[in-house]
Amino acid sequence: MTEATDGQVPTPERQGDILAIQGLAIAYAHAVDDSDWDRWEALWTPDARIDYTSSAGITGTPAEVKAWMPDAMSIFTWTMHSILTHEIRFADVGGDGDDRATGRVHLFNRNGLEWEGASEILDVGGFYDDEYVRDGDVWKFTRRIERSVYFEGGGFATMLREMVAKQQS
């Protein structure tokens, strides 16, 4: 594997790949915040695997998760997903190193909601473990595993932490 951030200056072509993959992660955040599930689904290969279980969500294909997302996200009055500190590694699997990559990106999600009659803010921090593939001239997700590290806020955050702890035990 070749790391994009290993201290070497990437070629102009590789810089373009890095920017495209970073743009993919940013497009994901905006599609979620805009509740634009068609745009969100277009960021994935159809057979991709998505795992949101660390935040009490589901695992599935883009179509399955797209069907689940509107109801799951309906508790929030607003969301702000931030994507930070992106590490990208390009894989040379069977000589197709220009077409596949893995990544890890830190996430910070701030979400507004009403819970038990009061306005609350839920902060979620963690990272995504990703796999990407070039599809023609476009990079897409083939896998994303959310690894939530913390949930902070009011009563909803407490309930969510307890729910996740139960699922993990």
Protein backbone atom coordinates (compact mmCIF):
# COMPACT_ATOMS: atom_id res chain seq x y z
CA MET A 1 0.00 0.00 0.00
CA THR A 2 1.18 3.48 -0.74
CA GLU A 3 0.17 6.16 1.70
CA ALA A 4 -0.82 9.50 0.23
CA THR A 5 0.58 11.26 3.29
CA ASP A 6 3.88 9.38 3.66
CA GLY A 7 5.99 12.49 3.20
CA GLN A 8 6.38 12.01 -0.55
CA VAL A 9 4.99 14.60 -2.89
CA PRO A 10 2.26 12.85 -4.88
CA THR A 11 2.22 13.10 -8.66
CA PRO A 12 -0.29 15.55 -10.14
CA GLU A 13 -2.53 12.59 -11.10
CA ARG A 14 -2.42 11.22 -7.56
CA GLN A 15 -3.12 14.70 -6.14
CA GLY A 16 -6.24 14.72 -8.30
CA ASP A 17 -7.28 11.34 -6.86
CA ILE A 18 -6.70 12.58 -3.31
CA LEU A 19 -8.81 15.68 -3.92
CA ALA A 20 -11.57 13.61 -5.54
CA ILE A 21 -11.72 11.20 -2.58
CA GLN A 22 -11.73 14.07 -0.10
CA GLY A 23 -14.52 15.64 -2.16
CA LEU A 24 -16.45 12.37 -1.96
CA ALA A 25 -16.28 12.47 1.85
CA ILE A 26 -17.41 16.10 1.89
CA ALA A 27 -20.27 15.37 -0.53
CA TYR A 28 -21.38 12.58 1.85
CA ALA A 29 -21.57 15.04 4.77
CA HIS A 30 -23.58 17.59 2.79
CA ALA A 31 -25.94 14.98 1.35
CA VAL A 32 -26.75 13.79 4.89
CA ASP A 33 -27.20 17.35 6.20
CA ASP A 34 -29.46 18.17 3.23
CA SER A 35 -31.42 14.89 3.60
CA ASP A 36 -30.72 14.36 -0.09
CA TRP A 37 -30.87 10.57 -0.14
CA ASP A 38 -30.68 10.25 -3.93
CA ARG A 39 -27.45 12.26 -3.94
CA TRP A 40 -26.23 10.23 -0.94
CA GLU A 41 -26.93 6.91 -2.70
CA ALA A 42 -25.10 8.05 -5.86
CA LEU A 43 -21.85 8.27 -3.84
CA TRP A 44 -21.72 4.47 -3.45
CA THR A 45 -21.28 1.45 -5.66
CA PRO A 46 -24.57 -0.53 -5.60
CA ASP A 47 -22.96 -3.46 -3.73
CA ALA A 48 -21.17 -1.31 -1.13
CA ARG A 49 -21.44 -2.24 2.57
CA ILE A 50 -22.29 0.43 5.13
CA ASP A 51 -22.08 -0.22 8.88
CA TYR A 52 -23.61 2.32 11.27
CA THR A 53 -24.00 -0.10 14.19
CA SER A 54 -21.57 1.80 16.44
CA SER A 55 -24.16 4.57 16.63
CA ALA A 56 -27.18 2.24 17.03
CA GLY A 57 -27.79 2.13 13.27
CA ILE A 58 -27.93 -0.64 10.71
CA THR A 59 -25.63 -2.44 8.30
CA GLY A 60 -26.64 -2.76 4.67
CA THR A 61 -26.26 -1.84 1.03
CA PRO A 62 -26.74 1.75 -0.12
CA ALA A 63 -30.33 0.98 -1.17
CA GLU A 64 -31.14 -0.59 2.21
CA VAL A 65 -29.56 2.23 4.20
CA LYS A 66 -31.15 4.87 1.96
CA ALA A 67 -34.58 3.40 2.78
CA TRP A 68 -33.76 3.49 6.52
CA MET A 69 -32.14 6.95 6.71
CA PRO A 70 -35.17 9.29 6.43
CA ASP A 71 -36.89 7.74 9.45
CA ALA A 72 -33.66 7.32 11.43
CA MET A 73 -32.67 10.95 10.88
CA SER A 74 -36.17 12.37 11.43
CA ILE A 75 -35.52 12.91 15.15
CA PHE A 76 -33.04 15.67 14.31
CA THR A 77 -34.25 19.21 13.61
CA TRP A 78 -30.88 19.96 12.00
CA THR A 79 -27.51 18.27 11.47
CA MET A 80 -23.96 19.46 10.76
CA HIS A 81 -21.56 16.70 9.72
CA SER A 82 -17.88 17.64 9.68
CA ILE A 83 -15.22 15.51 8.03
CA LEU A 84 -11.66 16.05 9.32
CA THR A 85 -8.12 14.68 9.14
CA HIS A 86 -8.44 12.42 6.13
CA GLU A 87 -5.81 9.72 5.58
CA ILE A 88 -5.88 7.96 2.20
CA ARG A 89 -3.86 4.95 1.09
CA PHE A 90 -3.81 3.64 -2.45
CA ALA A 91 -3.77 -0.14 -2.85
CA ASP A 92 -1.95 -2.08 -5.52
CA VAL A 93 -4.26 -5.08 -5.69
CA GLY A 94 -3.59 -7.14 -8.78
CA GLY A 95 -1.90 -4.21 -10.47
CA ASP A 96 -4.98 -1.94 -10.26
CA GLY A 97 -3.48 0.40 -7.64
CA ASP A 98 -4.81 3.42 -9.52
CA ASP A 99 -8.40 2.31 -8.99
CA ARG A 100 -8.68 1.38 -5.29
CA ALA A 101 -7.94 3.10 -2.01
CA THR A 102 -8.70 2.89 1.69
CA GLY A 103 -9.14 5.74 4.07
CA ARG A 104 -9.78 6.82 7.60
CA VAL A 105 -11.43 10.13 8.32
CA HIS A 106 -12.33 11.72 11.65
CA LEU A 107 -15.93 12.79 12.05
CA PHE A 108 -17.70 15.29 14.23
CA ASN A 109 -21.46 15.51 13.97
CA ARG A 110 -23.47 18.15 15.80
CA ASN A 111 -27.20 17.51 15.76
CA GLY A 112 -30.17 19.45 17.10
CA LEU A 113 -33.25 17.69 18.46
CA GLU A 114 -36.20 17.92 20.81
CA TRP A 115 -36.05 15.30 23.57
CA GLU A 116 -38.53 14.97 26.41
CA GLY A 117 -39.85 18.49 25.82
CA ALA A 118 -36.48 20.25 25.68
CA SER A 119 -34.10 21.32 22.94
CA GLU A 120 -30.82 19.42 23.00
CA ILE A 121 -27.62 19.16 21.06
CA LEU A 122 -26.11 15.75 20.40
CA ASP A 123 -22.42 15.67 19.53
CA VAL A 124 -21.00 12.50 17.98
CA GLY A 125 -17.27 12.01 17.48
CA GLY A 126 -15.39 9.16 15.92
CA PHE A 127 -14.04 8.08 12.57
CA TYR A 128 -15.00 6.28 9.39
CA ASP A 129 -13.01 3.38 7.95
CA ASP A 130 -13.57 3.56 4.20
CA GLU A 131 -12.81 1.77 0.96
CA TYR A 132 -13.04 3.58 -2.37
CA VAL A 133 -13.00 2.55 -6.02
CA ARG A 134 -12.67 4.58 -9.19
CA ASP A 135 -15.79 4.11 -11.32
CA GLY A 136 -14.87 5.62 -14.69
CA ASP A 137 -13.68 9.12 -13.79
CA VAL A 138 -15.48 9.19 -10.43
CA TRP A 139 -14.40 7.84 -7.03
CA LYS A 140 -17.13 6.07 -5.01
CA PHE A 141 -17.43 4.39 -1.64
CA THR A 142 -17.40 0.58 -1.59
CA ARG A 143 -17.39 0.30 2.21
CA ARG A 144 -17.85 2.59 5.20
CA ILE A 145 -17.72 1.52 8.82
CA GLU A 146 -18.62 4.21 11.31
CA ARG A 147 -16.69 3.90 14.58
CA SER A 148 -18.37 6.22 17.05
CA VAL A 149 -16.12 7.07 19.98
CA TYR A 150 -18.38 9.35 22.00
CA PHE A 151 -21.89 10.78 22.29
CA GLU A 152 -22.25 14.00 24.31
CA GLY A 153 -25.28 16.09 25.09
CA GLY A 154 -28.38 15.75 27.22
CA GLY A 155 -30.83 12.95 27.87
CA PHE A 156 -30.84 11.70 24.29
CA ALA A 157 -27.04 11.23 24.37
CA THR A 158 -27.36 9.29 27.62
CA MET A 159 -30.06 7.05 26.11
CA LEU A 160 -27.95 6.52 22.97
CA ARG A 161 -24.81 5.60 24.96
CA GLU A 162 -26.83 3.05 26.96
CA MET A 163 -28.41 1.61 23.79
CA VAL A 164 -25.02 1.22 22.07
CA ALA A 165 -23.46 -0.32 25.21
CA LYS A 166 -26.29 -2.89 25.32
CA GLN A 167 -25.84 -3.76 21.65
CA GLN A 168 -22.10 -4.23 22.14
CA SER A 169 -22.42 -6.51 25.16
